[in-house]
Amino acid sequence: GDLHIDAHHTIEDTALVLGSAIKKALGDKKGIARFGFVLPM
């Protein structure tokens, strides 16, 4: 990315591509249980 300017484009565009990749990998989302669990840390 154009980090010589700032980090904005790198972070924004990475998020956009990552979201598209996860969505594509999920396909028809078969097998996903949409509700829900609790994670205590």
PDB file of all heavy atoms in Angstrom:
ATOM      1  N   GLY A   1       0.814  -1.211   0.000  1.00  0.00           N
ATOM      2  CA  GLY A   1       0.000   0.000   0.000  1.00  0.00           C
ATOM      3  C   GLY A   1       0.848   1.261   0.000  1.00  0.00           C
ATOM      4  O   GLY A   1       2.072   1.221   0.155  1.00  0.00           O
ATOM      5  N   ASP A   2       0.166   2.391  -0.149  1.00  0.00           N
ATOM      6  CA  ASP A   2       0.854   3.685  -0.210  1.00  0.00           C
ATOM      7  C   ASP A   2       1.133   4.204   1.205  1.00  0.00           C
ATOM      8  O   ASP A   2       0.648   5.270   1.604  1.00  0.00           O
ATOM      9  CB  ASP A   2       0.045   4.689  -1.026  1.00  0.00           C
ATOM     10  CG  ASP A   2      -1.381   4.872  -0.508  1.00  0.00           C
ATOM     11  OD1 ASP A   2      -1.781   4.114   0.412  1.00  0.00           O
ATOM     12  OD2 ASP A   2      -2.078   5.768  -1.008  1.00  0.00           O
ATOM     13  N   LEU A   3       1.935   3.464   1.949  1.00  0.00           N
ATOM     14  CA  LEU A   3       2.225   3.822   3.338  1.00  0.00           C
ATOM     15  C   LEU A   3       3.074   5.080   3.435  1.00  0.00           C
ATOM     16  O   LEU A   3       3.168   5.681   4.519  1.00  0.00           O
ATOM     17  CB  LEU A   3       2.928   2.657   4.043  1.00  0.00           C
ATOM     18  CG  LEU A   3       2.091   1.380   4.201  1.00  0.00           C
ATOM     19  CD1 LEU A   3       2.903   0.296   4.899  1.00  0.00           C
ATOM     20  CD2 LEU A   3       0.811   1.659   4.974  1.00  0.00           C
ATOM     21  N   HIS A   4       3.688   5.491   2.342  1.00  0.00           N
ATOM     22  CA  HIS A   4       4.431   6.756   2.368  1.00  0.00           C
ATOM     23  C   HIS A   4       3.496   7.946   2.515  1.00  0.00           C
ATOM     24  O   HIS A   4       3.924   9.052   2.883  1.00  0.00           O
ATOM     25  CB  HIS A   4       5.261   6.910   1.088  1.00  0.00           C
ATOM     26  CG  HIS A   4       4.438   6.943  -0.165  1.00  0.00           C
ATOM     27  ND1 HIS A   4       3.828   5.814  -0.691  1.00  0.00           N
ATOM     28  CD2 HIS A   4       4.118   7.973  -0.997  1.00  0.00           C
ATOM     29  CE1 HIS A   4       3.190   6.139  -1.803  1.00  0.00           C
ATOM     30  NE2 HIS A   4       3.341   7.452  -1.995  1.00  0.00           N
ATOM     31  N   ILE A   5       2.185   7.712   2.245  1.00  0.00           N
ATOM     32  CA  ILE A   5       1.184   8.764   2.459  1.00  0.00           C
ATOM     33  C   ILE A   5       0.557   8.576   3.842  1.00  0.00           C
ATOM     34  O   ILE A   5       0.684   9.413   4.717  1.00  0.00           O
ATOM     35  CB  ILE A   5       0.114   8.728   1.355  1.00  0.00           C
ATOM     36  CG1 ILE A   5       0.769   9.014  -0.007  1.00  0.00           C
ATOM     37  CG2 ILE A   5      -0.994   9.738   1.644  1.00  0.00           C
ATOM     38  CD1 ILE A   5      -0.167   8.920  -1.171  1.00  0.00           C
ATOM     39  N   ASP A   6      -0.127   7.461   4.029  1.00  0.00           N
ATOM     40  CA  ASP A   6      -0.639   7.089   5.349  1.00  0.00           C
ATOM     41  C   ASP A   6      -1.130   5.652   5.283  1.00  0.00           C
ATOM     42  O   ASP A   6      -0.986   4.976   4.256  1.00  0.00           O
ATOM     43  CB  ASP A   6      -1.749   8.033   5.845  1.00  0.00           C
ATOM     44  CG  ASP A   6      -2.992   8.024   4.955  1.00  0.00           C
ATOM     45  OD1 ASP A   6      -3.176   7.063   4.182  1.00  0.00           O
ATOM     46  OD2 ASP A   6      -3.784   8.979   5.023  1.00  0.00           O
ATOM     47  N   ALA A   7      -1.711   5.157   6.372  1.00  0.00           N
ATOM     48  CA  ALA A   7      -2.136   3.753   6.457  1.00  0.00           C
ATOM     49  C   ALA A   7      -3.585   3.542   6.059  1.00  0.00           C
ATOM     50  O   ALA A   7      -4.055   2.397   6.010  1.00  0.00           O
ATOM     51  CB  ALA A   7      -1.921   3.241   7.892  1.00  0.00           C
ATOM     52  N   HIS A   8      -4.295   4.619   5.757  1.00  0.00           N
ATOM     53  CA  HIS A   8      -5.747   4.515   5.554  1.00  0.00           C
ATOM     54  C   HIS A   8      -6.115   3.545   4.435  1.00  0.00           C
ATOM     55  O   HIS A   8      -6.930   2.638   4.629  1.00  0.00           O
ATOM     56  CB  HIS A   8      -6.327   5.902   5.259  1.00  0.00           C
ATOM     57  CG  HIS A   8      -7.818   5.903   5.084  1.00  0.00           C
ATOM     58  ND1 HIS A   8      -8.684   6.258   6.094  1.00  0.00           N
ATOM     59  CD2 HIS A   8      -8.604   5.580   4.027  1.00  0.00           C
ATOM     60  CE1 HIS A   8      -9.930   6.156   5.664  1.00  0.00           C
ATOM     61  NE2 HIS A   8      -9.907   5.750   4.406  1.00  0.00           N
ATOM     62  N   HIS A   9      -5.539   3.740   3.251  1.00  0.00           N
ATOM     63  CA  HIS A   9      -5.915   2.894   2.110  1.00  0.00           C
ATOM     64  C   HIS A   9      -5.552   1.435   2.357  1.00  0.00           C
ATOM     65  O   HIS A   9      -6.302   0.520   1.989  1.00  0.00           O
ATOM     66  CB  HIS A   9      -5.224   3.394   0.830  1.00  0.00           C
ATOM     67  CG  HIS A   9      -5.739   4.711   0.360  1.00  0.00           C
ATOM     68  ND1 HIS A   9      -4.903   5.753   0.003  1.00  0.00           N
ATOM     69  CD2 HIS A   9      -7.005   5.162   0.197  1.00  0.00           C
ATOM     70  CE1 HIS A   9      -5.643   6.782  -0.374  1.00  0.00           C
ATOM     71  NE2 HIS A   9      -6.916   6.461  -0.264  1.00  0.00           N
ATOM     72  N   THR A  10      -4.399   1.208   2.970  1.00  0.00           N
ATOM     73  CA  THR A  10      -3.963  -0.170   3.233  1.00  0.00           C
ATOM     74  C   THR A  10      -4.945  -0.888   4.144  1.00  0.00           C
ATOM     75  O   THR A  10      -5.363  -2.027   3.865  1.00  0.00           O
ATOM     76  CB  THR A  10      -2.560  -0.169   3.873  1.00  0.00           C
ATOM     77  OG1 THR A  10      -1.625   0.345   2.924  1.00  0.00           O
ATOM     78  CG2 THR A  10      -2.142  -1.575   4.280  1.00  0.00           C
ATOM     79  N   ILE A  11      -5.356  -0.232   5.223  1.00  0.00           N
ATOM     80  CA  ILE A  11      -6.258  -0.871   6.187  1.00  0.00           C
ATOM     81  C   ILE A  11      -7.655  -1.030   5.607  1.00  0.00           C
ATOM     82  O   ILE A  11      -8.273  -2.097   5.710  1.00  0.00           O
ATOM     83  CB  ILE A  11      -6.285  -0.055   7.491  1.00  0.00           C
ATOM     84  CG1 ILE A  11      -4.910  -0.158   8.176  1.00  0.00           C
ATOM     85  CG2 ILE A  11      -7.397  -0.532   8.424  1.00  0.00           C
ATOM     86  CD1 ILE A  11      -4.739   0.768   9.366  1.00  0.00           C
ATOM     87  N   GLU A  12      -8.156   0.004   4.952  1.00  0.00           N
ATOM     88  CA  GLU A  12      -9.502  -0.069   4.373  1.00  0.00           C
ATOM     89  C   GLU A  12      -9.583  -1.131   3.287  1.00  0.00           C
ATOM     90  O   GLU A  12     -10.482  -1.988   3.297  1.00  0.00           O
ATOM     91  CB  GLU A  12      -9.897   1.281   3.796  1.00  0.00           C
ATOM     92  CG  GLU A  12     -11.261   1.265   3.096  1.00  0.00           C
ATOM     93  CD  GLU A  12     -11.586   2.577   2.406  1.00  0.00           C
ATOM     94  OE1 GLU A  12     -10.649   3.232   1.902  1.00  0.00           O
ATOM     95  OE2 GLU A  12     -12.771   2.936   2.375  1.00  0.00           O
ATOM     96  N   ASP A  13      -8.649  -1.114   2.352  1.00  0.00           N
ATOM     97  CA  ASP A  13      -8.723  -2.048   1.221  1.00  0.00           C
ATOM     98  C   ASP A  13      -8.472  -3.486   1.669  1.00  0.00           C
ATOM     99  O   ASP A  13      -9.061  -4.425   1.113  1.00  0.00           O
ATOM    100  CB  ASP A  13      -7.720  -1.644   0.142  1.00  0.00           C
ATOM    101  CG  ASP A  13      -8.122  -0.362  -0.576  1.00  0.00           C
ATOM    102  OD1 ASP A  13      -9.159   0.218  -0.203  1.00  0.00           O
ATOM    103  OD2 ASP A  13      -7.398   0.062  -1.493  1.00  0.00           O
ATOM    104  N   THR A  14      -7.613  -3.675   2.659  1.00  0.00           N
ATOM    105  CA  THR A  14      -7.413  -5.026   3.201  1.00  0.00           C
ATOM    106  C   THR A  14      -8.713  -5.560   3.779  1.00  0.00           C
ATOM    107  O   THR A  14      -9.076  -6.724   3.569  1.00  0.00           O
ATOM    108  CB  THR A  14      -6.321  -5.020   4.281  1.00  0.00           C
ATOM    109  OG1 THR A  14      -5.084  -4.601   3.706  1.00  0.00           O
ATOM    110  CG2 THR A  14      -6.146  -6.410   4.881  1.00  0.00           C
ATOM    111  N   ALA A  15      -9.437  -4.732   4.498  1.00  0.00           N
ATOM    112  CA  ALA A  15     -10.725  -5.153   5.069  1.00  0.00           C
ATOM    113  C   ALA A  15     -11.722  -5.507   3.977  1.00  0.00           C
ATOM    114  O   ALA A  15     -12.447  -6.512   4.084  1.00  0.00           O
ATOM    115  CB  ALA A  15     -11.281  -4.045   5.960  1.00  0.00           C
ATOM    116  N   LEU A  16     -11.758  -4.711   2.923  1.00  0.00           N
ATOM    117  CA  LEU A  16     -12.704  -4.974   1.828  1.00  0.00           C
ATOM    118  C   LEU A  16     -12.391  -6.302   1.145  1.00  0.00           C
ATOM    119  O   LEU A  16     -13.303  -7.098   0.858  1.00  0.00           O
ATOM    120  CB  LEU A  16     -12.652  -3.839   0.806  1.00  0.00           C
ATOM    121  CG  LEU A  16     -13.176  -2.471   1.267  1.00  0.00           C
ATOM    122  CD1 LEU A  16     -12.865  -1.400   0.224  1.00  0.00           C
ATOM    123  CD2 LEU A  16     -14.676  -2.528   1.551  1.00  0.00           C
ATOM    124  N   VAL A  17     -11.109  -6.559   0.890  1.00  0.00           N
ATOM    125  CA  VAL A  17     -10.730  -7.804   0.215  1.00  0.00           C
ATOM    126  C   VAL A  17     -10.923  -8.992   1.144  1.00  0.00           C
ATOM    127  O   VAL A  17     -11.402 -10.049   0.727  1.00  0.00           O
ATOM    128  CB  VAL A  17      -9.266  -7.723  -0.282  1.00  0.00           C
ATOM    129  CG1 VAL A  17      -8.834  -9.057  -0.900  1.00  0.00           C
ATOM    130  CG2 VAL A  17      -9.123  -6.614  -1.307  1.00  0.00           C
ATOM    131  N   LEU A  18     -10.585  -8.838   2.419  1.00  0.00           N
ATOM    132  CA  LEU A  18     -10.771  -9.930   3.373  1.00  0.00           C
ATOM    133  C   LEU A  18     -12.246 -10.300   3.505  1.00  0.00           C
ATOM    134  O   LEU A  18     -12.600 -11.487   3.510  1.00  0.00           O
ATOM    135  CB  LEU A  18     -10.207  -9.541   4.737  1.00  0.00           C
ATOM    136  CG  LEU A  18     -10.360 -10.575   5.850  1.00  0.00           C
ATOM    137  CD1 LEU A  18      -9.675 -11.887   5.486  1.00  0.00           C
ATOM    138  CD2 LEU A  18      -9.807 -10.028   7.171  1.00  0.00           C
ATOM    139  N   GLY A  19     -13.106  -9.303   3.582  1.00  0.00           N
ATOM    140  CA  GLY A  19     -14.544  -9.587   3.645  1.00  0.00           C
ATOM    141  C   GLY A  19     -15.036 -10.318   2.418  1.00  0.00           C
ATOM    142  O   GLY A  19     -15.805 -11.281   2.511  1.00  0.00           O
ATOM    143  N   SER A  20     -14.558  -9.904   1.236  1.00  0.00           N
ATOM    144  CA  SER A  20     -14.957 -10.579  -0.008  1.00  0.00           C
ATOM    145  C   SER A  20     -14.465 -12.017  -0.037  1.00  0.00           C
ATOM    146  O   SER A  20     -15.179 -12.924  -0.486  1.00  0.00           O
ATOM    147  CB  SER A  20     -14.391  -9.817  -1.216  1.00  0.00           C
ATOM    148  OG  SER A  20     -14.926  -8.514  -1.304  1.00  0.00           O
ATOM    149  N   ALA A  21     -13.228 -12.246   0.447  1.00  0.00           N
ATOM    150  CA  ALA A  21     -12.662 -13.597   0.430  1.00  0.00           C
ATOM    151  C   ALA A  21     -13.406 -14.528   1.378  1.00  0.00           C
ATOM    152  O   ALA A  21     -13.703 -15.677   1.040  1.00  0.00           O
ATOM    153  CB  ALA A  21     -11.179 -13.539   0.793  1.00  0.00           C
ATOM    154  N   ILE A  22     -13.717 -14.040   2.581  1.00  0.00           N
ATOM    155  CA  ILE A  22     -14.463 -14.882   3.528  1.00  0.00           C
ATOM    156  C   ILE A  22     -15.852 -15.191   2.987  1.00  0.00           C
ATOM    157  O   ILE A  22     -16.331 -16.329   3.065  1.00  0.00           O
ATOM    158  CB  ILE A  22     -14.545 -14.203   4.903  1.00  0.00           C
ATOM    159  CG1 ILE A  22     -13.150 -14.076   5.522  1.00  0.00           C
ATOM    160  CG2 ILE A  22     -15.459 -14.991   5.840  1.00  0.00           C
ATOM    161  CD1 ILE A  22     -13.122 -13.288   6.818  1.00  0.00           C
ATOM    162  N   LYS A  23     -16.497 -14.193   2.424  1.00  0.00           N
ATOM    163  CA  LYS A  23     -17.831 -14.415   1.850  1.00  0.00           C
ATOM    164  C   LYS A  23     -17.791 -15.442   0.734  1.00  0.00           C
ATOM    165  O   LYS A  23     -18.637 -16.347   0.652  1.00  0.00           O
ATOM    166  CB  LYS A  23     -18.398 -13.097   1.330  1.00  0.00           C
ATOM    167  CG  LYS A  23     -19.795 -13.230   0.729  1.00  0.00           C
ATOM    168  CD  LYS A  23     -20.312 -11.889   0.241  1.00  0.00           C
ATOM    169  CE  LYS A  23     -21.715 -12.031  -0.356  1.00  0.00           C
ATOM    170  NZ  LYS A  23     -22.225 -10.723  -0.844  1.00  0.00           N
ATOM    171  N   LYS A  24     -16.791 -15.340  -0.134  1.00  0.00           N
ATOM    172  CA  LYS A  24     -16.662 -16.290  -1.247  1.00  0.00           C
ATOM    173  C   LYS A  24     -16.374 -17.694  -0.725  1.00  0.00           C
ATOM    174  O   LYS A  24     -16.919 -18.681  -1.221  1.00  0.00           O
ATOM    175  CB  LYS A  24     -15.559 -15.829  -2.192  1.00  0.00           C
ATOM    176  CG  LYS A  24     -15.438 -16.651  -3.467  1.00  0.00           C
ATOM    177  CD  LYS A  24     -14.391 -16.049  -4.401  1.00  0.00           C
ATOM    178  CE  LYS A  24     -14.281 -16.869  -5.681  1.00  0.00           C
ATOM    179  NZ  LYS A  24     -13.244 -16.315  -6.596  1.00  0.00           N
ATOM    180  N   ALA A  25     -15.522 -17.792   0.299  1.00  0.00           N
ATOM    181  CA  ALA A  25     -15.189 -19.102   0.854  1.00  0.00           C
ATOM    182  C   ALA A  25     -16.387 -19.743   1.548  1.00  0.00           C
ATOM    183  O   ALA A  25     -16.540 -20.968   1.535  1.00  0.00           O
ATOM    184  CB  ALA A  25     -14.029 -18.971   1.838  1.00  0.00           C
ATOM    185  N   LEU A  26     -17.243 -18.938   2.134  1.00  0.00           N
ATOM    186  CA  LEU A  26     -18.423 -19.468   2.822  1.00  0.00           C
ATOM    187  C   LEU A  26     -19.437 -20.059   1.842  1.00  0.00           C
ATOM    188  O   LEU A  26     -20.215 -20.937   2.208  1.00  0.00           O
ATOM    189  CB  LEU A  26     -19.104 -18.368   3.639  1.00  0.00           C
ATOM    190  CG  LEU A  26     -18.403 -17.975   4.936  1.00  0.00           C
ATOM    191  CD1 LEU A  26     -19.033 -16.717   5.517  1.00  0.00           C
ATOM    192  CD2 LEU A  26     -18.465 -19.109   5.943  1.00  0.00           C
ATOM    193  N   GLY A  27     -19.435 -19.600   0.608  1.00  0.00           N
ATOM    194  CA  GLY A  27     -20.354 -20.138  -0.394  1.00  0.00           C
ATOM    195  C   GLY A  27     -21.799 -19.941   0.015  1.00  0.00           C
ATOM    196  O   GLY A  27     -22.240 -18.834   0.317  1.00  0.00           O
ATOM    197  N   ASP A  28     -22.545 -21.048   0.083  1.00  0.00           N
ATOM    198  CA  ASP A  28     -23.959 -20.949   0.459  1.00  0.00           C
ATOM    199  C   ASP A  28     -24.156 -20.988   1.973  1.00  0.00           C
ATOM    200  O   ASP A  28     -25.286 -21.054   2.454  1.00  0.00           O
ATOM    201  CB  ASP A  28     -24.776 -22.070  -0.210  1.00  0.00           C
ATOM    202  CG  ASP A  28     -24.285 -23.458   0.183  1.00  0.00           C
ATOM    203  OD1 ASP A  28     -23.404 -23.560   1.070  1.00  0.00           O
ATOM    204  OD2 ASP A  28     -24.768 -24.445  -0.406  1.00  0.00           O
ATOM    205  N   LYS A  29     -23.061 -20.939   2.720  1.00  0.00           N
ATOM    206  CA  LYS A  29     -23.068 -20.901   4.194  1.00  0.00           C
ATOM    207  C   LYS A  29     -23.705 -22.135   4.816  1.00  0.00           C
ATOM    208  O   LYS A  29     -24.186 -22.108   5.937  1.00  0.00           O
ATOM    209  CB  LYS A  29     -23.749 -19.620   4.695  1.00  0.00           C
ATOM    210  CG  LYS A  29     -23.026 -18.353   4.293  1.00  0.00           C
ATOM    211  CD  LYS A  29     -23.647 -17.113   4.897  1.00  0.00           C
ATOM    212  CE  LYS A  29     -24.860 -16.660   4.120  1.00  0.00           C
ATOM    213  NZ  LYS A  29     -25.332 -15.334   4.567  1.00  0.00           N
ATOM    214  N   LYS A  30     -23.673 -23.230   4.069  1.00  0.00           N
ATOM    215  CA  LYS A  30     -24.256 -24.470   4.556  1.00  0.00           C
ATOM    216  C   LYS A  30     -23.530 -24.951   5.811  1.00  0.00           C
ATOM    217  O   LYS A  30     -22.308 -24.967   5.866  1.00  0.00           O
ATOM    218  CB  LYS A  30     -24.174 -25.549   3.468  1.00  0.00           C
ATOM    219  CG  LYS A  30     -24.816 -26.874   3.855  1.00  0.00           C
ATOM    220  CD  LYS A  30     -24.722 -27.862   2.698  1.00  0.00           C
ATOM    221  CE  LYS A  30     -25.365 -29.191   3.060  1.00  0.00           C
ATOM    222  NZ  LYS A  30     -25.281 -30.164   1.938  1.00  0.00           N
ATOM    223  N   GLY A  31     -24.281 -25.327   6.827  1.00  0.00           N
ATOM    224  CA  GLY A  31     -23.703 -25.880   8.041  1.00  0.00           C
ATOM    225  C   GLY A  31     -23.409 -24.866   9.125  1.00  0.00           C
ATOM    226  O   GLY A  31     -23.008 -25.231  10.224  1.00  0.00           O
ATOM    227  N   ILE A  32     -23.597 -23.575   8.837  1.00  0.00           N
ATOM    228  CA  ILE A  32     -23.325 -22.557   9.850  1.00  0.00           C
ATOM    229  C   ILE A  32     -24.504 -22.465  10.814  1.00  0.00           C
ATOM    230  O   ILE A  32     -25.652 -22.341  10.404  1.00  0.00           O
ATOM    231  CB  ILE A  32     -23.077 -21.188   9.193  1.00  0.00           C
ATOM    232  CG1 ILE A  32     -21.777 -21.218   8.391  1.00  0.00           C
ATOM    233  CG2 ILE A  32     -23.021 -20.089  10.249  1.00  0.00           C
ATOM    234  CD1 ILE A  32     -21.482 -19.912   7.693  1.00  0.00           C
ATOM    235  N   ALA A  33     -24.200 -22.552  12.115  1.00  0.00           N
ATOM    236  CA  ALA A  33     -25.214 -22.320  13.139  1.00  0.00           C
ATOM    237  C   ALA A  33     -25.183 -20.832  13.492  1.00  0.00           C
ATOM    238  O   ALA A  33     -24.199 -20.344  14.047  1.00  0.00           O
ATOM    239  CB  ALA A  33     -24.933 -23.176  14.368  1.00  0.00           C
ATOM    240  N   ARG A  34     -26.220 -20.116  13.165  1.00  0.00           N
ATOM    241  CA  ARG A  34     -26.180 -18.656  13.270  1.00  0.00           C
ATOM    242  C   ARG A  34     -26.382 -18.156  14.697  1.00  0.00           C
ATOM    243  O   ARG A  34     -26.056 -17.031  15.008  1.00  0.00           O
ATOM    244  CB  ARG A  34     -27.240 -18.051  12.351  1.00  0.00           C
ATOM    245  CG  ARG A  34     -26.921 -18.236  10.879  1.00  0.00           C
ATOM    246  CD  ARG A  34     -28.038 -17.709  10.008  1.00  0.00           C
ATOM    247  NE  ARG A  34     -28.239 -16.275  10.181  1.00  0.00           N
ATOM    248  CZ  ARG A  34     -29.261 -15.624   9.653  1.00  0.00           C
ATOM    249  NH1 ARG A  34     -30.182 -16.269   8.963  1.00  0.00           N
ATOM    250  NH2 ARG A  34     -29.386 -14.323   9.844  1.00  0.00           N
ATOM    251  N   PHE A  35     -26.918 -18.942  15.579  1.00  0.00           N
ATOM    252  CA  PHE A  35     -27.176 -18.509  16.957  1.00  0.00           C
ATOM    253  C   PHE A  35     -26.847 -19.681  17.882  1.00  0.00           C
ATOM    254  O   PHE A  35     -27.414 -20.762  17.666  1.00  0.00           O
ATOM    255  CB  PHE A  35     -28.651 -18.163  17.149  1.00  0.00           C
ATOM    256  CG  PHE A  35     -29.245 -17.305  16.088  1.00  0.00           C
ATOM    257  CD1 PHE A  35     -29.926 -17.868  15.019  1.00  0.00           C
ATOM    258  CD2 PHE A  35     -29.111 -15.931  16.119  1.00  0.00           C
ATOM    259  CE1 PHE A  35     -30.477 -17.084  14.021  1.00  0.00           C
ATOM    260  CE2 PHE A  35     -29.664 -15.132  15.129  1.00  0.00           C
ATOM    261  CZ  PHE A  35     -30.347 -15.703  14.083  1.00  0.00           C
ATOM    262  N   GLY A  36     -25.974 -19.509  18.896  1.00  0.00           N
ATOM    263  CA  GLY A  36     -24.981 -18.595  19.183  1.00  0.00           C
ATOM    264  C   GLY A  36     -24.169 -19.215  20.310  1.00  0.00           C
ATOM    265  O   GLY A  36     -24.451 -20.279  20.821  1.00  0.00           O
ATOM    266  N   PHE A  37     -23.150 -18.590  20.795  1.00  0.00           N
ATOM    267  CA  PHE A  37     -22.341 -19.084  21.901  1.00  0.00           C
ATOM    268  C   PHE A  37     -21.797 -17.908  22.695  1.00  0.00           C
ATOM    269  O   PHE A  37     -21.841 -16.766  22.258  1.00  0.00           O
ATOM    270  CB  PHE A  37     -21.206 -19.997  21.419  1.00  0.00           C
ATOM    271  CG  PHE A  37     -20.133 -19.276  20.660  1.00  0.00           C
ATOM    272  CD1 PHE A  37     -19.070 -18.688  21.320  1.00  0.00           C
ATOM    273  CD2 PHE A  37     -20.191 -19.183  19.278  1.00  0.00           C
ATOM    274  CE1 PHE A  37     -18.080 -18.024  20.629  1.00  0.00           C
ATOM    275  CE2 PHE A  37     -19.191 -18.509  18.585  1.00  0.00           C
ATOM    276  CZ  PHE A  37     -18.137 -17.926  19.262  1.00  0.00           C
ATOM    277  N   VAL A  38     -21.256 -18.208  23.872  1.00  0.00           N
ATOM    278  CA  VAL A  38     -20.688 -17.190  24.742  1.00  0.00           C
ATOM    279  C   VAL A  38     -19.245 -17.546  25.040  1.00  0.00           C
ATOM    280  O   VAL A  38     -18.934 -18.704  25.337  1.00  0.00           O
ATOM    281  CB  VAL A  38     -21.484 -17.085  26.062  1.00  0.00           C
ATOM    282  CG1 VAL A  38     -20.816 -16.094  27.008  1.00  0.00           C
ATOM    283  CG2 VAL A  38     -22.922 -16.679  25.783  1.00  0.00           C
ATOM    284  N   LEU A  39     -18.368 -16.562  24.949  1.00  0.00           N
ATOM    285  CA  LEU A  39     -16.945 -16.791  25.170  1.00  0.00           C
ATOM    286  C   LEU A  39     -16.460 -15.932  26.333  1.00  0.00           C
ATOM    287  O   LEU A  39     -16.294 -14.722  26.191  1.00  0.00           O
ATOM    288  CB  LEU A  39     -16.146 -16.453  23.908  1.00  0.00           C
ATOM    289  CG  LEU A  39     -14.621 -16.489  24.044  1.00  0.00           C
ATOM    290  CD1 LEU A  39     -14.147 -17.923  24.309  1.00  0.00           C
ATOM    291  CD2 LEU A  39     -13.954 -15.936  22.793  1.00  0.00           C
ATOM    292  N   PRO A  40     -16.245 -16.516  27.526  1.00  0.00           N
ATOM    293  CA  PRO A  40     -15.678 -15.740  28.637  1.00  0.00           C
ATOM    294  C   PRO A  40     -14.152 -15.787  28.580  1.00  0.00           C
ATOM    295  O   PRO A  40     -13.558 -16.836  28.387  1.00  0.00           O
ATOM    296  CB  PRO A  40     -16.191 -16.481  29.864  1.00  0.00           C
ATOM    297  CG  PRO A  40     -16.368 -17.887  29.411  1.00  0.00           C
ATOM    298  CD  PRO A  40     -16.643 -17.864  27.931  1.00  0.00           C
ATOM    299  N   MET A  41     -13.512 -14.619  28.732  1.00  0.00           N
ATOM    300  CA  MET A  41     -12.054 -14.542  28.814  1.00  0.00           C
ATOM    301  C   MET A  41     -11.689 -13.749  30.064  1.00  0.00           C
ATOM    302  O   MET A  41     -12.536 -13.042  30.630  1.00  0.00           O
ATOM    303  CB  MET A  41     -11.482 -13.886  27.551  1.00  0.00           C
ATOM    304  CG  MET A  41     -11.845 -14.628  26.267  1.00  0.00           C
ATOM    305  SD  MET A  41     -11.291 -13.785  24.767  1.00  0.00           S
ATOM    306  CE  MET A  41      -9.525 -13.965  24.901  1.00  0.00           C
TER     307      MET A  41
END
